Amino acid sequence: MVGLILSYLPLLAERAGLTSAQAGVAVAVFGWGGLLGQLAVSFVLRRLDRFVVLAVLWGAAVLGLAAALLWAGQFATLLAGAFVLGLCLPAANSALQVIAALAYPPAVRATGISWANSAGKLGPVLGGLAGGLMAHAGWSLGTVLTVLAVPLALCLPAVRTLRARARRHRTAAPHTTTVRPLPAPTPAPASAPGQV
């Protein structure tokens, strides 16, 4: 979604009746929101449940999409929606990194995070392709925002499922660590007199 918005928001905003300068400002506002959101989420994740943070970010992004959808032709509302989307979507991506780091057991954590990041790289490719197809088909900004709201809304029950699954794993396998003492060093064999 982030790649699609950054790539196609100027074109779609111009189709909605805004000038190219206004469309550029909307993209800049999205970028500033992303910067602030990623900085803020690093502090919030230390204090709040990561799944709650992710659900709030995605819920606020759905509201931002709805606001931008309802008043897509109004510049001030488009700016507010772009800022909320910028604030929430990149920050949610950062929260997903934390969830991925904690989702896998230590023995396979590096492999799991690598696979999760590799799957995540498909997003910009598919987003760019989908955005190009929608723009080529002549879809309006409102139609594109409606389409974007659907997968984003599906993320809300997904994060709830992830949270429930994480709780089950915590209760099923509590973290118990057994401390085993190191073996005592074996003394060197005594050498016979006259031998070195």
C-alpha atoms as a PDB file:
ATOM      1  CA  MET A   1       0.000   0.000   0.000  1.00  0.00           C
ATOM      2  CA  VAL A   2       2.789   2.399   0.856  1.00  0.00           C
ATOM      3  CA  GLY A   3       4.437   1.899  -2.532  1.00  0.00           C
ATOM      4  CA  LEU A   4       1.142   2.215  -4.366  1.00  0.00           C
ATOM      5  CA  ILE A   5       0.223   5.424  -2.535  1.00  0.00           C
ATOM      6  CA  LEU A   6       3.631   7.001  -3.099  1.00  0.00           C
ATOM      7  CA  SER A   7       3.685   6.048  -6.768  1.00  0.00           C
ATOM      8  CA  TYR A   8       0.124   6.776  -7.844  1.00  0.00           C
ATOM      9  CA  LEU A   9      -1.260   9.380  -5.442  1.00  0.00           C
ATOM     10  CA  PRO A  10      -0.106  12.324  -7.618  1.00  0.00           C
ATOM     11  CA  LEU A  11      -1.786  10.954 -10.748  1.00  0.00           C
ATOM     12  CA  LEU A  12      -4.974   9.980  -8.936  1.00  0.00           C
ATOM     13  CA  ALA A  13      -5.174  13.291  -7.071  1.00  0.00           C
ATOM     14  CA  GLU A  14      -4.860  15.198 -10.347  1.00  0.00           C
ATOM     15  CA  ARG A  15      -7.683  13.072 -11.776  1.00  0.00           C
ATOM     16  CA  ALA A  16      -9.760  14.075  -8.739  1.00  0.00           C
ATOM     17  CA  GLY A  17      -9.377  17.737  -9.747  1.00  0.00           C
ATOM     18  CA  LEU A  18      -6.346  18.813  -7.730  1.00  0.00           C
ATOM     19  CA  THR A  19      -3.359  20.574  -9.261  1.00  0.00           C
ATOM     20  CA  SER A  20      -0.012  18.824  -9.661  1.00  0.00           C
ATOM     21  CA  ALA A  21       1.423  21.064  -6.921  1.00  0.00           C
ATOM     22  CA  GLN A  22      -1.332  20.006  -4.522  1.00  0.00           C
ATOM     23  CA  ALA A  23      -0.774  16.355  -5.412  1.00  0.00           C
ATOM     24  CA  GLY A  24       2.943  16.764  -4.688  1.00  0.00           C
ATOM     25  CA  VAL A  25       2.165  18.332  -1.317  1.00  0.00           C
ATOM     26  CA  ALA A  26      -0.098  15.351  -0.493  1.00  0.00           C
ATOM     27  CA  VAL A  27       2.765  12.937  -1.198  1.00  0.00           C
ATOM     28  CA  ALA A  28       5.122  15.047   0.952  1.00  0.00           C
ATOM     29  CA  VAL A  29       2.604  15.054   3.805  1.00  0.00           C
ATOM     30  CA  PHE A  30       2.356  11.260   3.516  1.00  0.00           C
ATOM     31  CA  GLY A  31       6.157  11.043   3.786  1.00  0.00           C
ATOM     32  CA  TRP A  32       6.301  13.316   6.840  1.00  0.00           C
ATOM     33  CA  GLY A  33       3.578  11.271   8.487  1.00  0.00           C
ATOM     34  CA  GLY A  34       5.609   8.130   7.821  1.00  0.00           C
ATOM     35  CA  LEU A  35       8.708   9.629   9.428  1.00  0.00           C
ATOM     36  CA  LEU A  36       6.821  10.737  12.544  1.00  0.00           C
ATOM     37  CA  GLY A  37       4.919   7.449  12.782  1.00  0.00           C
ATOM     38  CA  GLN A  38       8.029   5.301  12.655  1.00  0.00           C
ATOM     39  CA  LEU A  39       9.758   7.420  15.279  1.00  0.00           C
ATOM     40  CA  ALA A  40       6.714   7.320  17.551  1.00  0.00           C
ATOM     41  CA  VAL A  41       6.092   3.582  17.232  1.00  0.00           C
ATOM     42  CA  SER A  42       9.606   2.797  18.485  1.00  0.00           C
ATOM     43  CA  PHE A  43       8.698   4.423  21.821  1.00  0.00           C
ATOM     44  CA  VAL A  44       5.149   3.079  21.967  1.00  0.00           C
ATOM     45  CA  LEU A  45       6.184  -0.548  21.388  1.00  0.00           C
ATOM     46  CA  ARG A  46       8.272  -0.447  24.574  1.00  0.00           C
ATOM     47  CA  ARG A  47       5.230   0.360  26.678  1.00  0.00           C
ATOM     48  CA  LEU A  48       2.214  -1.266  25.020  1.00  0.00           C
ATOM     49  CA  ASP A  49       1.270  -4.674  23.670  1.00  0.00           C
ATOM     50  CA  ARG A  50       2.604  -4.990  20.113  1.00  0.00           C
ATOM     51  CA  PHE A  51      -0.628  -6.511  18.808  1.00  0.00           C
ATOM     52  CA  VAL A  52      -2.730  -3.696  20.249  1.00  0.00           C
ATOM     53  CA  VAL A  53      -0.383  -1.139  18.681  1.00  0.00           C
ATOM     54  CA  LEU A  54      -0.681  -2.877  15.307  1.00  0.00           C
ATOM     55  CA  ALA A  55      -4.483  -3.043  15.531  1.00  0.00           C
ATOM     56  CA  VAL A  56      -4.713   0.653  16.437  1.00  0.00           C
ATOM     57  CA  LEU A  57      -2.418   1.622  13.565  1.00  0.00           C
ATOM     58  CA  TRP A  58      -4.393  -0.395  11.028  1.00  0.00           C
ATOM     59  CA  GLY A  59      -7.723   0.825  12.432  1.00  0.00           C
ATOM     60  CA  ALA A  60      -6.588   4.447  12.184  1.00  0.00           C
ATOM     61  CA  ALA A  61      -5.376   3.804   8.627  1.00  0.00           C
ATOM     62  CA  VAL A  62      -8.819   2.491   7.684  1.00  0.00           C
ATOM     63  CA  LEU A  63     -10.326   5.695   9.116  1.00  0.00           C
ATOM     64  CA  GLY A  64      -7.785   7.764   7.166  1.00  0.00           C
ATOM     65  CA  LEU A  65      -8.731   5.945   3.983  1.00  0.00           C
ATOM     66  CA  ALA A  66     -12.417   6.483   4.705  1.00  0.00           C
ATOM     67  CA  ALA A  67     -11.889  10.228   5.273  1.00  0.00           C
ATOM     68  CA  ALA A  68      -9.835  10.561   2.096  1.00  0.00           C
ATOM     69  CA  LEU A  69     -12.464   8.531   0.227  1.00  0.00           C
ATOM     70  CA  LEU A  70     -15.400  10.634   1.368  1.00  0.00           C
ATOM     71  CA  TRP A  71     -13.743  13.948   0.576  1.00  0.00           C
ATOM     72  CA  ALA A  72     -11.197  12.946  -2.076  1.00  0.00           C
ATOM     73  CA  GLY A  73     -11.686  16.124  -4.096  1.00  0.00           C
ATOM     74  CA  GLN A  74     -11.068  18.459  -1.155  1.00  0.00           C
ATOM     75  CA  PHE A  75      -7.431  19.346  -0.701  1.00  0.00           C
ATOM     76  CA  ALA A  76      -7.431  19.816   3.094  1.00  0.00           C
ATOM     77  CA  THR A  77      -9.178  16.483   3.685  1.00  0.00           C
ATOM     78  CA  LEU A  78      -6.862  14.692   1.287  1.00  0.00           C
ATOM     79  CA  LEU A  79      -3.895  16.133   3.203  1.00  0.00           C
ATOM     80  CA  ALA A  80      -5.337  14.952   6.516  1.00  0.00           C
ATOM     81  CA  GLY A  81      -6.005  11.485   5.098  1.00  0.00           C
ATOM     82  CA  ALA A  82      -2.510  11.310   3.558  1.00  0.00           C
ATOM     83  CA  PHE A  83      -0.952  12.312   6.877  1.00  0.00           C
ATOM     84  CA  VAL A  84      -2.923   9.695   8.832  1.00  0.00           C
ATOM     85  CA  LEU A  85      -2.019   7.021   6.282  1.00  0.00           C
ATOM     86  CA  GLY A  86       1.614   8.065   6.390  1.00  0.00           C
ATOM     87  CA  LEU A  87       1.551   8.057  10.170  1.00  0.00           C
ATOM     88  CA  CYS A  88       0.029   4.578  10.378  1.00  0.00           C
ATOM     89  CA  LEU A  89       1.119   2.371   7.469  1.00  0.00           C
ATOM     90  CA  PRO A  90       4.949   2.655   7.747  1.00  0.00           C
ATOM     91  CA  ALA A  91       4.678   2.462  11.550  1.00  0.00           C
ATOM     92  CA  ALA A  92       2.613  -0.724  11.200  1.00  0.00           C
ATOM     93  CA  ASN A  93       5.372  -2.168   9.007  1.00  0.00           C
ATOM     94  CA  SER A  94       7.845  -1.435  11.815  1.00  0.00           C
ATOM     95  CA  ALA A  95       5.573  -3.129  14.358  1.00  0.00           C
ATOM     96  CA  LEU A  96       5.369  -6.172  12.076  1.00  0.00           C
ATOM     97  CA  GLN A  97       9.159  -6.480  12.261  1.00  0.00           C
ATOM     98  CA  VAL A  98       8.937  -6.702  16.057  1.00  0.00           C
ATOM     99  CA  ILE A  99       6.159  -9.274  15.877  1.00  0.00           C
ATOM    100  CA  ALA A 100       8.157 -11.366  13.410  1.00  0.00           C
ATOM    101  CA  ALA A 101      11.199 -11.260  15.694  1.00  0.00           C
ATOM    102  CA  LEU A 102       9.154 -12.595  18.601  1.00  0.00           C
ATOM    103  CA  ALA A 103       6.974 -15.028  16.642  1.00  0.00           C
ATOM    104  CA  TYR A 104       9.643 -17.579  15.825  1.00  0.00           C
ATOM    105  CA  PRO A 105      11.434 -19.797  18.345  1.00  0.00           C
ATOM    106  CA  PRO A 106      15.109 -18.914  18.822  1.00  0.00           C
ATOM    107  CA  ALA A 107      16.338 -21.980  16.907  1.00  0.00           C
ATOM    108  CA  VAL A 108      14.672 -20.820  13.652  1.00  0.00           C
ATOM    109  CA  ARG A 109      14.306 -17.081  14.296  1.00  0.00           C
ATOM    110  CA  ALA A 110      16.836 -15.907  11.696  1.00  0.00           C
ATOM    111  CA  THR A 111      15.315 -18.130   9.013  1.00  0.00           C
ATOM    112  CA  GLY A 112      11.758 -17.118   9.935  1.00  0.00           C
ATOM    113  CA  ILE A 113      12.511 -13.398   9.858  1.00  0.00           C
ATOM    114  CA  SER A 114      14.322 -13.818   6.559  1.00  0.00           C
ATOM    115  CA  TRP A 115      11.315 -15.566   5.008  1.00  0.00           C
ATOM    116  CA  ALA A 116       8.947 -12.947   6.443  1.00  0.00           C
ATOM    117  CA  ASN A 117      11.059 -10.129   4.986  1.00  0.00           C
ATOM    118  CA  SER A 118      11.290 -11.904   1.637  1.00  0.00           C
ATOM    119  CA  ALA A 119       7.505 -12.298   1.510  1.00  0.00           C
ATOM    120  CA  GLY A 120       7.187  -8.640   2.498  1.00  0.00           C
ATOM    121  CA  LYS A 121       9.264  -7.605  -0.514  1.00  0.00           C
ATOM    122  CA  LEU A 122       6.490  -8.911  -2.762  1.00  0.00           C
ATOM    123  CA  GLY A 123       4.243  -6.121  -1.483  1.00  0.00           C
ATOM    124  CA  PRO A 124       5.882  -3.222  -3.348  1.00  0.00           C
ATOM    125  CA  VAL A 125       6.047  -5.305  -6.527  1.00  0.00           C
ATOM    126  CA  LEU A 126       2.382  -6.304  -6.355  1.00  0.00           C
ATOM    127  CA  GLY A 127       1.356  -2.814  -5.202  1.00  0.00           C
ATOM    128  CA  GLY A 128       3.123  -1.178  -8.123  1.00  0.00           C
ATOM    129  CA  LEU A 129       1.565  -3.632 -10.551  1.00  0.00           C
ATOM    130  CA  ALA A 130      -1.928  -3.233  -9.080  1.00  0.00           C
ATOM    131  CA  GLY A 131      -1.586   0.554  -9.005  1.00  0.00           C
ATOM    132  CA  GLY A 132      -0.516   0.606 -12.633  1.00  0.00           C
ATOM    133  CA  LEU A 133      -3.456  -1.569 -13.662  1.00  0.00           C
ATOM    134  CA  MET A 134      -5.930   0.567 -11.703  1.00  0.00           C
ATOM    135  CA  ALA A 135      -4.509   3.820 -13.085  1.00  0.00           C
ATOM    136  CA  HIS A 136      -4.502   2.433 -16.635  1.00  0.00           C
ATOM    137  CA  ALA A 137      -8.129   1.353 -16.225  1.00  0.00           C
ATOM    138  CA  GLY A 138      -9.012   4.952 -15.359  1.00  0.00           C
ATOM    139  CA  TRP A 139     -10.094   4.285 -11.778  1.00  0.00           C
ATOM    140  CA  SER A 140     -10.775   7.357  -9.664  1.00  0.00           C
ATOM    141  CA  LEU A 141      -8.975   8.168  -6.420  1.00  0.00           C
ATOM    142  CA  GLY A 142     -12.089   7.184  -4.479  1.00  0.00           C
ATOM    143  CA  THR A 143     -12.282   3.778  -6.150  1.00  0.00           C
ATOM    144  CA  VAL A 144      -8.608   3.053  -5.500  1.00  0.00           C
ATOM    145  CA  LEU A 145      -8.959   4.076  -1.850  1.00  0.00           C
ATOM    146  CA  THR A 146     -11.956   1.782  -1.491  1.00  0.00           C
ATOM    147  CA  VAL A 147      -9.977  -1.125  -2.914  1.00  0.00           C
ATOM    148  CA  LEU A 148      -7.088  -0.362  -0.526  1.00  0.00           C
ATOM    149  CA  ALA A 149      -9.437  -0.309   2.460  1.00  0.00           C
ATOM    150  CA  VAL A 150     -10.480  -3.943   1.929  1.00  0.00           C
ATOM    151  CA  PRO A 151      -7.134  -5.689   2.637  1.00  0.00           C
ATOM    152  CA  LEU A 152      -6.381  -3.181   5.364  1.00  0.00           C
ATOM    153  CA  ALA A 153      -9.687  -3.993   7.090  1.00  0.00           C
ATOM    154  CA  LEU A 154      -8.869  -7.719   6.792  1.00  0.00           C
ATOM    155  CA  CYS A 155      -5.661  -7.080   8.741  1.00  0.00           C
ATOM    156  CA  LEU A 156      -7.682  -6.260  11.876  1.00  0.00           C
ATOM    157  CA  PRO A 157      -9.061  -9.778  12.458  1.00  0.00           C
ATOM    158  CA  ALA A 158      -5.668 -11.178  11.424  1.00  0.00           C
ATOM    159  CA  VAL A 159      -3.880  -9.287  14.195  1.00  0.00           C
ATOM    160  CA  ARG A 160      -6.508 -10.433  16.673  1.00  0.00           C
ATOM    161  CA  THR A 161      -5.857 -14.032  15.625  1.00  0.00           C
ATOM    162  CA  LEU A 162      -2.098 -13.514  15.976  1.00  0.00           C
ATOM    163  CA  ARG A 163      -2.552 -12.094  19.465  1.00  0.00           C
ATOM    164  CA  ALA A 164      -4.725 -15.036  20.563  1.00  0.00           C
ATOM    165  CA  ARG A 165      -2.209 -17.490  19.122  1.00  0.00           C
ATOM    166  CA  ALA A 166       0.683 -15.792  20.905  1.00  0.00           C
ATOM    167  CA  ARG A 167      -1.211 -15.981  24.204  1.00  0.00           C
ATOM    168  CA  ARG A 168      -1.893 -19.696  23.713  1.00  0.00           C
ATOM    169  CA  HIS A 169       1.790 -20.358  23.074  1.00  0.00           C
ATOM    170  CA  ARG A 170       2.792 -18.416  26.179  1.00  0.00           C
ATOM    171  CA  THR A 171       0.425 -20.347  28.419  1.00  0.00           C
ATOM    172  CA  ALA A 172       1.179 -23.712  26.818  1.00  0.00           C
ATOM    173  CA  ALA A 173       4.939 -23.396  27.097  1.00  0.00           C
ATOM    174  CA  PRO A 174       5.949 -21.082  29.933  1.00  0.00           C
ATOM    175  CA  HIS A 175       9.481 -19.820  29.772  1.00  0.00           C
ATOM    176  CA  THR A 176      11.454 -21.984  32.140  1.00  0.00           C
ATOM    177  CA  THR A 177      15.155 -22.010  31.988  1.00  0.00           C
ATOM    178  CA  THR A 178      17.189 -24.704  33.643  1.00  0.00           C
ATOM    179  CA  VAL A 179      20.553 -23.536  34.791  1.00  0.00           C
ATOM    180  CA  ARG A 180      23.107 -26.285  34.517  1.00  0.00           C
ATOM    181  CA  PRO A 181      26.479 -25.831  36.173  1.00  0.00           C
ATOM    182  CA  LEU A 182      29.524 -26.126  34.003  1.00  0.00           C
ATOM    183  CA  PRO A 183      31.451 -29.360  34.488  1.00  0.00           C
ATOM    184  CA  ALA A 184      34.392 -29.096  36.819  1.00  0.00           C
ATOM    185  CA  PRO A 185      37.733 -29.128  35.069  1.00  0.00           C
ATOM    186  CA  THR A 186      39.509 -32.450  35.253  1.00  0.00           C
ATOM    187  CA  PRO A 187      42.888 -32.288  36.915  1.00  0.00           C
ATOM    188  CA  ALA A 188      45.879 -32.987  34.761  1.00  0.00           C
ATOM    189  CA  PRO A 189      47.387 -36.436  35.332  1.00  0.00           C
ATOM    190  CA  ALA A 190      50.314 -36.399  37.689  1.00  0.00           C
ATOM    191  CA  SER A 191      53.549 -37.058  35.918  1.00  0.00           C
ATOM    192  CA  ALA A 192      56.103 -39.470  37.235  1.00  0.00           C
ATOM    193  CA  PRO A 193      59.241 -38.015  38.821  1.00  0.00           C
ATOM    194  CA  GLY A 194      61.793 -37.050  36.243  1.00  0.00           C
ATOM    195  CA  GLN A 195      59.226 -36.751  33.405  1.00  0.00           C
ATOM    196  CA  VAL A 196      58.175 -33.475  31.953  1.00  0.00           C
END
